[in-house]
Amino acid sequence: MAKARNGRQTIIIESTADTGYRYTTKKNKREHPARVEFMKYDPVARKHVIFKETK
């Protein structure tokens, strides 16, 4: 039996508060081909900020 390909890829999202804090997460490249943004907690800035996908 053939094994199905996994459409998920590990990405890095970085804080827009210029603290340098990063998270790693996974996304499905077929469903979301554009770069993603998440509102997450930045422990360095001690508040919720937007995290954008880096290259």
N, C-alpha and C. Protein backbone atom coordinates (compact mmCIF):
# COMPACT_ATOMS: atom_id res chain seq x y z
N MET A 1 0.84 -1.17 0.00
CA MET A 1 0.00 0.00 0.00
C MET A 1 0.88 1.24 0.00
N ALA A 2 0.45 2.22 -0.74
CA ALA A 2 1.21 3.46 -0.84
C ALA A 2 0.92 4.35 0.37
N LYS A 3 1.94 5.03 0.82
CA LYS A 3 1.79 5.92 1.97
C LYS A 3 1.39 7.31 1.48
N ALA A 4 0.42 7.92 2.13
CA ALA A 4 -0.04 9.26 1.74
C ALA A 4 1.00 10.30 2.15
N ARG A 5 1.13 11.31 1.33
CA ARG A 5 2.05 12.40 1.65
C ARG A 5 1.44 13.30 2.72
N ASN A 6 2.28 13.79 3.57
CA ASN A 6 1.82 14.68 4.62
C ASN A 6 1.89 16.12 4.11
N GLY A 7 0.78 16.84 4.12
CA GLY A 7 0.74 18.21 3.62
C GLY A 7 1.15 19.24 4.65
N ARG A 8 1.50 18.79 5.85
CA ARG A 8 1.85 19.73 6.92
C ARG A 8 3.34 20.04 6.90
N GLN A 9 3.65 21.29 7.23
CA GLN A 9 5.04 21.73 7.26
C GLN A 9 5.26 22.52 8.54
N THR A 10 6.41 22.34 9.19
CA THR A 10 6.75 23.09 10.39
C THR A 10 7.16 24.50 9.99
N ILE A 11 6.58 25.50 10.68
CA ILE A 11 6.89 26.90 10.39
C ILE A 11 7.31 27.59 11.68
N ILE A 12 7.97 28.73 11.54
CA ILE A 12 8.37 29.56 12.67
C ILE A 12 7.58 30.85 12.59
N ILE A 13 6.97 31.25 13.71
CA ILE A 13 6.29 32.55 13.76
C ILE A 13 7.03 33.42 14.77
N GLU A 14 7.26 34.67 14.40
CA GLU A 14 8.07 35.58 15.22
C GLU A 14 7.24 36.79 15.65
N SER A 15 7.53 37.28 16.83
CA SER A 15 6.80 38.40 17.41
C SER A 15 7.03 39.68 16.62
N THR A 16 5.97 40.50 16.49
CA THR A 16 6.10 41.80 15.83
C THR A 16 6.46 42.89 16.83
N ALA A 17 6.64 42.52 18.11
CA ALA A 17 7.00 43.50 19.14
C ALA A 17 8.51 43.70 19.22
N ASP A 18 9.26 43.17 18.26
CA ASP A 18 10.72 43.30 18.19
C ASP A 18 11.43 42.78 19.43
N THR A 19 10.91 41.70 20.01
CA THR A 19 11.57 41.07 21.14
C THR A 19 12.41 39.88 20.72
N GLY A 20 12.16 39.38 19.51
CA GLY A 20 12.91 38.23 19.01
C GLY A 20 12.33 36.91 19.47
N TYR A 21 11.21 36.91 20.17
CA TYR A 21 10.61 35.67 20.64
C TYR A 21 9.93 34.95 19.49
N ARG A 22 10.07 33.62 19.45
CA ARG A 22 9.53 32.82 18.35
C ARG A 22 8.78 31.60 18.88
N TYR A 23 7.78 31.18 18.12
CA TYR A 23 7.08 29.93 18.34
C TYR A 23 7.28 29.07 17.10
N THR A 24 7.20 27.75 17.27
CA THR A 24 7.14 26.85 16.12
C THR A 24 5.78 26.19 16.12
N THR A 25 5.22 26.01 14.95
CA THR A 25 3.93 25.38 14.79
C THR A 25 3.88 24.71 13.43
N LYS A 26 2.78 24.06 13.12
CA LYS A 26 2.63 23.41 11.82
C LYS A 26 1.42 23.97 11.11
N LYS A 27 1.48 23.96 9.78
CA LYS A 27 0.34 24.38 8.98
C LYS A 27 0.26 23.51 7.74
N ASN A 28 -0.93 23.43 7.18
CA ASN A 28 -1.15 22.69 5.96
C ASN A 28 -0.91 23.64 4.78
N LYS A 29 0.11 23.36 3.98
CA LYS A 29 0.50 24.25 2.89
C LYS A 29 -0.55 24.30 1.78
N ARG A 30 -1.32 23.22 1.62
CA ARG A 30 -2.34 23.21 0.57
C ARG A 30 -3.53 24.09 0.94
N GLU A 31 -3.91 24.09 2.20
CA GLU A 31 -5.06 24.88 2.63
C GLU A 31 -4.72 26.35 2.86
N HIS A 32 -3.47 26.63 3.30
CA HIS A 32 -3.05 27.99 3.62
C HIS A 32 -1.71 28.29 2.96
N PRO A 33 -1.71 28.57 1.65
CA PRO A 33 -0.42 28.81 0.97
C PRO A 33 0.22 30.14 1.34
N ALA A 34 -0.58 31.12 1.78
CA ALA A 34 -0.03 32.43 2.15
C ALA A 34 0.56 32.37 3.57
N ARG A 35 1.33 33.39 3.92
CA ARG A 35 1.90 33.46 5.26
C ARG A 35 0.81 33.72 6.28
N VAL A 36 0.96 33.12 7.45
CA VAL A 36 -0.08 33.21 8.47
C VAL A 36 0.32 34.19 9.57
N GLU A 37 -0.69 34.68 10.29
CA GLU A 37 -0.49 35.55 11.44
C GLU A 37 -1.36 35.02 12.58
N PHE A 38 -0.81 35.01 13.78
CA PHE A 38 -1.53 34.58 14.96
C PHE A 38 -1.37 35.61 16.06
N MET A 39 -2.39 35.77 16.88
CA MET A 39 -2.29 36.60 18.08
C MET A 39 -1.92 35.66 19.23
N LYS A 40 -0.71 35.79 19.75
CA LYS A 40 -0.22 34.91 20.80
C LYS A 40 0.47 35.73 21.88
N TYR A 41 0.75 35.08 23.00
CA TYR A 41 1.38 35.73 24.13
C TYR A 41 2.89 35.80 23.94
N ASP A 42 3.46 36.98 24.13
CA ASP A 42 4.90 37.19 24.08
C ASP A 42 5.38 37.37 25.52
N PRO A 43 6.09 36.38 26.09
CA PRO A 43 6.52 36.50 27.49
C PRO A 43 7.57 37.58 27.73
N VAL A 44 8.30 37.98 26.70
CA VAL A 44 9.29 39.04 26.87
C VAL A 44 8.59 40.39 27.01
N ALA A 45 7.60 40.64 26.14
CA ALA A 45 6.83 41.89 26.19
C ALA A 45 5.72 41.82 27.24
N ARG A 46 5.40 40.61 27.71
CA ARG A 46 4.35 40.35 28.71
C ARG A 46 2.98 40.82 28.26
N LYS A 47 2.66 40.57 27.00
CA LYS A 47 1.33 40.87 26.48
C LYS A 47 1.09 40.08 25.20
N HIS A 48 -0.15 40.08 24.74
CA HIS A 48 -0.49 39.41 23.49
C HIS A 48 -0.16 40.34 22.32
N VAL A 49 0.56 39.80 21.34
CA VAL A 49 0.93 40.55 20.15
C VAL A 49 0.74 39.65 18.93
N ILE A 50 0.83 40.23 17.76
CA ILE A 50 0.71 39.47 16.51
C ILE A 50 2.05 38.81 16.21
N PHE A 51 1.98 37.54 15.88
CA PHE A 51 3.16 36.79 15.45
C PHE A 51 2.99 36.48 13.97
N LYS A 52 4.01 36.78 13.16
CA LYS A 52 3.95 36.55 11.73
C LYS A 52 4.91 35.44 11.33
N GLU A 53 4.55 34.72 10.29
CA GLU A 53 5.37 33.62 9.80
C GLU A 53 6.65 34.18 9.18
N THR A 54 7.79 33.59 9.54
CA THR A 54 9.07 33.99 8.96
C THR A 54 9.43 33.00 7.86
N LYS A 55 10.42 33.35 7.08
CA LYS A 55 10.83 32.47 5.99
C LYS A 55 11.72 31.36 6.47
